[in-house]
């Protein structure tokens, strides 16, 4: 997928469980989660469907794709607008990825922001995502006030206060 995105100039970074693992929180996962420029969505969906993936969900901000061959797995995308993308990708760090390729990894604060939005959009994710955010808040140099701001933006300040008490 990275080759396809790179060849077309679509910015992308690793998110989800694999990004957390890169920061030191290993978890079993069966999918690949990427954040990409919003304008990449049509090309990504077409590319995956041509390769046998079924698009199981598609909205302006997300798409989820599954292949009938389990070895090809599931791929999930978060699509972000240009301003958000500029902020996220300019601050992302290069991380050694598979096959010697460099993978971008968003700042922990940006990963936390995506998880806060996920909690707001799907409250069933709350406990796992709060655990992930808690881990991110323990990383050296993480700006807790920035993360608090993401909670406040989505009306979830109380969740942050509860989380902060566990640190």
Protein backbone atom coordinates (compact mmCIF):
# COMPACT_ATOMS: atom_id res chain seq x y z
CA UNK A 1 0.00 0.00 0.00
CA UNK A 2 2.84 2.39 0.82
CA UNK A 3 4.26 2.06 -2.69
CA UNK A 4 0.88 2.90 -4.21
CA UNK A 5 0.48 5.94 -1.95
CA UNK A 6 4.06 7.13 -2.46
CA UNK A 7 3.87 6.81 -6.25
CA UNK A 8 0.80 9.06 -6.27
CA UNK A 9 2.20 11.57 -3.79
CA UNK A 10 -0.40 10.83 -1.11
CA UNK A 11 0.94 11.51 2.36
CA UNK A 12 0.31 8.71 4.83
CA UNK A 13 1.29 7.56 8.29
CA UNK A 14 0.82 4.47 10.40
CA UNK A 15 -1.82 4.66 13.13
CA UNK A 16 -3.75 2.18 15.27
CA UNK A 17 -2.24 -0.81 17.05
CA UNK A 18 0.88 -0.90 14.88
CA UNK A 19 1.67 2.74 15.68
CA UNK A 20 1.19 2.01 19.37
CA UNK A 21 3.54 -0.97 19.03
CA UNK A 22 6.14 1.29 17.43
CA UNK A 23 5.90 3.50 20.53
CA UNK A 24 6.27 0.47 22.80
CA UNK A 25 2.76 -0.86 23.46
CA UNK A 26 2.54 -4.21 21.69
CA UNK A 27 -0.89 -5.63 20.94
CA UNK A 28 -2.09 -8.38 18.67
CA UNK A 29 -3.81 -6.91 15.62
CA UNK A 30 -5.17 -8.21 12.36
CA UNK A 31 -5.47 -4.94 10.45
CA UNK A 32 -3.38 -2.13 9.07
CA UNK A 33 -4.52 1.38 9.97
CA UNK A 34 -3.32 4.40 8.01
CA UNK A 35 -4.06 8.10 8.07
CA UNK A 36 -3.95 9.75 4.65
CA UNK A 37 -4.81 12.94 2.80
CA UNK A 38 -8.57 13.12 2.20
CA UNK A 39 -8.13 13.56 -1.55
CA UNK A 40 -6.60 10.07 -1.73
CA UNK A 41 -9.87 8.32 -0.86
CA UNK A 42 -11.25 7.63 -4.35
CA UNK A 43 -7.92 6.33 -5.62
CA UNK A 44 -7.40 4.13 -2.54
CA UNK A 45 -10.86 2.57 -2.71
CA UNK A 46 -10.51 1.90 -6.44
CA UNK A 47 -7.01 0.44 -5.97
CA UNK A 48 -8.09 -1.92 -3.20
CA UNK A 49 -11.27 -3.05 -4.94
CA UNK A 50 -9.24 -3.85 -8.08
CA UNK A 51 -7.11 -6.10 -5.87
CA UNK A 52 -10.09 -8.02 -4.50
CA UNK A 53 -10.78 -6.07 -1.32
CA UNK A 54 -14.37 -5.42 -0.35
CA UNK A 55 -15.14 -1.95 0.96
CA UNK A 56 -17.20 -2.66 4.07
CA UNK A 57 -17.60 0.97 5.12
CA UNK A 58 -16.97 4.28 3.46
CA UNK A 59 -17.66 7.80 4.70
CA UNK A 60 -15.85 11.10 4.12
CA UNK A 61 -13.56 10.44 7.08
CA UNK A 62 -13.07 6.68 7.02
CA UNK A 63 -12.98 3.57 4.90
CA UNK A 64 -12.55 -0.06 5.87
CA UNK A 65 -11.53 -2.83 3.48
CA UNK A 66 -11.30 -6.58 3.87
CA UNK A 67 -9.88 -9.18 1.53
CA UNK A 68 -11.40 -12.67 1.24
CA UNK A 69 -7.90 -14.13 1.66
CA UNK A 70 -7.09 -13.72 5.36
CA UNK A 71 -3.39 -13.40 4.57
CA UNK A 72 -4.15 -10.11 2.79
CA UNK A 73 -5.97 -8.89 5.86
CA UNK A 74 -7.98 -5.80 6.61
CA UNK A 75 -6.95 -2.22 5.85
CA UNK A 76 -8.56 0.79 7.51
CA UNK A 77 -8.07 4.44 6.55
CA UNK A 78 -8.67 7.73 8.29
CA UNK A 79 -8.92 10.61 5.79
CA UNK A 80 -7.93 14.06 7.00
CA UNK A 81 -8.32 17.50 5.47
CA UNK A 82 -5.36 19.51 4.19
CA UNK A 83 -4.88 21.69 7.29
CA UNK A 84 -5.00 18.72 9.65
CA UNK A 85 -2.75 16.76 7.29
CA UNK A 86 -0.21 19.58 7.13
CA UNK A 87 -0.01 19.66 10.94
CA UNK A 88 0.10 15.89 11.35
CA UNK A 89 2.55 15.03 8.58
CA UNK A 90 4.93 17.94 9.25
CA UNK A 91 5.34 16.75 12.84
CA UNK A 92 5.42 12.99 12.11
CA UNK A 93 8.65 11.13 12.61
CA UNK A 94 10.27 8.59 10.34
CA UNK A 95 10.26 5.07 11.69
CA UNK A 96 11.91 1.96 10.22
CA UNK A 97 9.16 -0.10 8.62
CA UNK A 98 8.91 -3.46 6.89
CA UNK A 99 11.18 -4.37 3.96
CA UNK A 100 13.56 -1.55 4.84
CA UNK A 101 10.97 1.13 4.01
CA UNK A 102 10.59 4.19 6.16
CA UNK A 103 7.15 4.67 7.70
CA UNK A 104 5.83 7.88 9.15
CA UNK A 105 4.50 7.80 12.68
CA UNK A 106 2.31 10.63 14.03
CA UNK A 107 3.24 12.32 17.28
CA UNK A 108 1.69 10.63 20.33
CA UNK A 109 -0.51 13.71 20.79
CA UNK A 110 -1.96 13.25 17.30
CA UNK A 111 -2.60 9.56 17.91
CA UNK A 112 -4.39 10.53 21.12
CA UNK A 113 -6.48 13.09 19.19
CA UNK A 114 -7.66 10.39 16.78
CA UNK A 115 -8.53 8.10 19.69
CA UNK A 116 -10.52 10.86 21.41
CA UNK A 117 -12.52 11.37 18.22
CA UNK A 118 -13.06 7.60 18.00
CA UNK A 119 -14.43 7.59 21.56
CA UNK A 120 -16.78 10.44 20.72
CA UNK A 121 -18.01 8.71 17.55
CA UNK A 122 -18.25 5.20 19.04
CA UNK A 123 -18.53 5.04 22.83
CA UNK A 124 -18.04 1.24 22.76
CA UNK A 125 -14.36 2.01 22.08
CA UNK A 126 -13.97 4.05 25.27
CA UNK A 127 -12.15 1.64 27.57
CA UNK A 128 -9.58 0.36 25.06
CA UNK A 129 -8.93 3.80 23.59
CA UNK A 130 -8.57 5.38 27.04
CA UNK A 131 -6.03 2.68 27.90
CA UNK A 132 -4.13 3.52 24.72
CA UNK A 133 -4.25 7.26 25.47
CA UNK A 134 -3.06 6.57 29.00
CA UNK A 135 -0.03 4.77 27.57
CA UNK A 136 0.65 7.66 25.15
CA UNK A 137 0.51 10.16 28.03
CA UNK A 138 3.33 8.26 29.78
CA UNK A 139 5.75 8.69 26.88
CA UNK A 140 8.59 11.15 27.48
CA UNK A 141 7.88 14.69 26.34
CA UNK A 142 4.18 14.23 25.56
CA UNK A 143 2.25 17.48 25.90
CA UNK A 144 -0.57 16.58 28.27
CA UNK A 145 -2.22 19.99 27.89
CA UNK A 146 -2.45 19.47 24.14
CA UNK A 147 -4.11 16.11 24.72
CA UNK A 148 -6.43 17.68 27.29
CA UNK A 149 -7.41 20.18 24.60
CA UNK A 150 -8.50 17.36 22.26
CA UNK A 151 -10.73 15.95 25.00
CA UNK A 152 -12.17 19.42 25.65
CA UNK A 153 -12.80 20.03 21.95
CA UNK A 154 -15.10 17.00 21.92
CA UNK A 155 -16.80 17.63 25.26
CA UNK A 156 -14.94 14.82 27.04
CA UNK A 157 -12.93 16.78 29.62
CA UNK A 158 -14.22 14.58 32.42
CA UNK A 159 -12.75 11.52 30.74
CA UNK A 160 -9.35 13.22 30.62
CA UNK A 161 -9.59 14.23 34.29
CA UNK A 162 -10.43 10.62 35.23
CA UNK A 163 -7.57 9.35 33.11
CA UNK A 164 -5.10 11.82 34.55
CA UNK A 165 -5.88 10.59 38.08
CA UNK A 166 -4.51 7.16 37.08
CA UNK A 167 -1.12 8.52 36.01
